[in-house]
Protein backbone atom coordinates (compact mmCIF):
# COMPACT_ATOMS: atom_id res chain seq x y z
CA MET A 1 -0.02 0.01 0.01
CA THR A 2 1.41 3.36 -1.04
CA VAL A 3 0.39 6.62 0.58
CA GLN A 4 0.99 9.84 -1.26
CA ALA A 5 0.98 13.16 0.56
CA THR A 6 0.14 16.29 -1.31
CA THR A 7 0.53 19.80 -0.06
CA ALA A 8 -1.37 22.80 -1.28
CA VAL A 9 0.84 25.73 -2.00
CA ALA A 10 -0.84 29.04 -1.34
CA THR A 11 -0.18 31.40 -4.24
CA GLU A 12 -0.95 35.05 -4.12
CA PRO A 13 -3.42 36.21 -6.77
CA SER A 14 -2.01 38.27 -9.60
CA LEU A 15 -3.03 41.84 -10.22
CA VAL A 16 -5.20 40.78 -13.14
CA ASP A 17 -7.09 38.25 -11.00
CA LEU A 18 -7.65 40.86 -8.29
CA LEU A 19 -8.95 43.43 -10.76
CA ASP A 20 -11.26 40.85 -12.32
CA ARG A 21 -12.75 40.00 -8.92
CA LEU A 22 -13.18 43.67 -7.98
CA LEU A 23 -14.75 44.69 -11.27
CA GLY A 24 -17.03 41.65 -11.26
CA LYS A 25 -18.60 42.82 -7.98
CA GLY A 26 -18.17 46.55 -8.45
CA VAL A 27 -15.93 49.14 -6.79
CA VAL A 28 -16.71 52.56 -5.33
CA LEU A 29 -13.84 55.00 -5.21
CA SER A 30 -14.11 58.26 -3.34
CA GLY A 31 -11.67 60.95 -2.29
CA ASP A 32 -11.33 64.50 -1.14
CA ILE A 33 -8.79 67.07 -2.31
CA VAL A 34 -8.39 70.23 -0.23
CA ILE A 35 -6.01 73.06 -1.23
CA SER A 36 -5.43 75.42 1.69
CA LEU A 37 -3.18 78.30 2.56
CA ALA A 38 -2.48 79.33 6.16
CA ASP A 39 -5.21 76.94 7.40
CA VAL A 40 -7.80 78.56 5.14
CA ASP A 41 -9.44 76.14 2.66
CA LEU A 42 -9.27 77.72 -0.79
CA VAL A 43 -10.44 74.81 -2.97
CA ARG A 44 -12.24 71.64 -1.97
CA ILE A 45 -13.01 68.89 -4.46
CA GLN A 46 -14.96 65.74 -3.59
CA LEU A 47 -14.63 62.90 -6.09
CA SER A 48 -16.71 59.70 -6.36
CA ALA A 49 -16.68 56.99 -8.99
CA VAL A 50 -18.50 53.71 -9.36
CA ILE A 51 -16.66 51.18 -11.47
CA GLN A 52 -18.33 47.89 -12.50
CA SER A 53 -17.94 45.42 -15.30
CA VAL A 54 -20.62 45.65 -17.99
CA ARG A 55 -20.28 41.98 -18.78
CA ALA A 56 -22.99 40.97 -16.33
CA GLU A 57 -25.29 43.73 -17.48
CA MET A 58 -25.08 42.70 -21.14
CA GLU A 59 -26.18 39.11 -20.64
CA PRO A 60 -29.57 38.35 -22.26
CA LEU A 61 -32.55 37.99 -19.99
CA SER A 62 -33.98 34.48 -19.64
């Protein structure tokens, strides 16, 4: 009787795999930019973006 032992090697996902997972579920990015002089806010910009793959949206309805 022969017993074989196998070990699973954990590999880190590549950047492409990570982006595919994130875009498949959707990502919300948001950020604030404030330009100030002497502790007085001169310009404030608030940015928001929703990024999602259109692949799921383009599938035909059953």
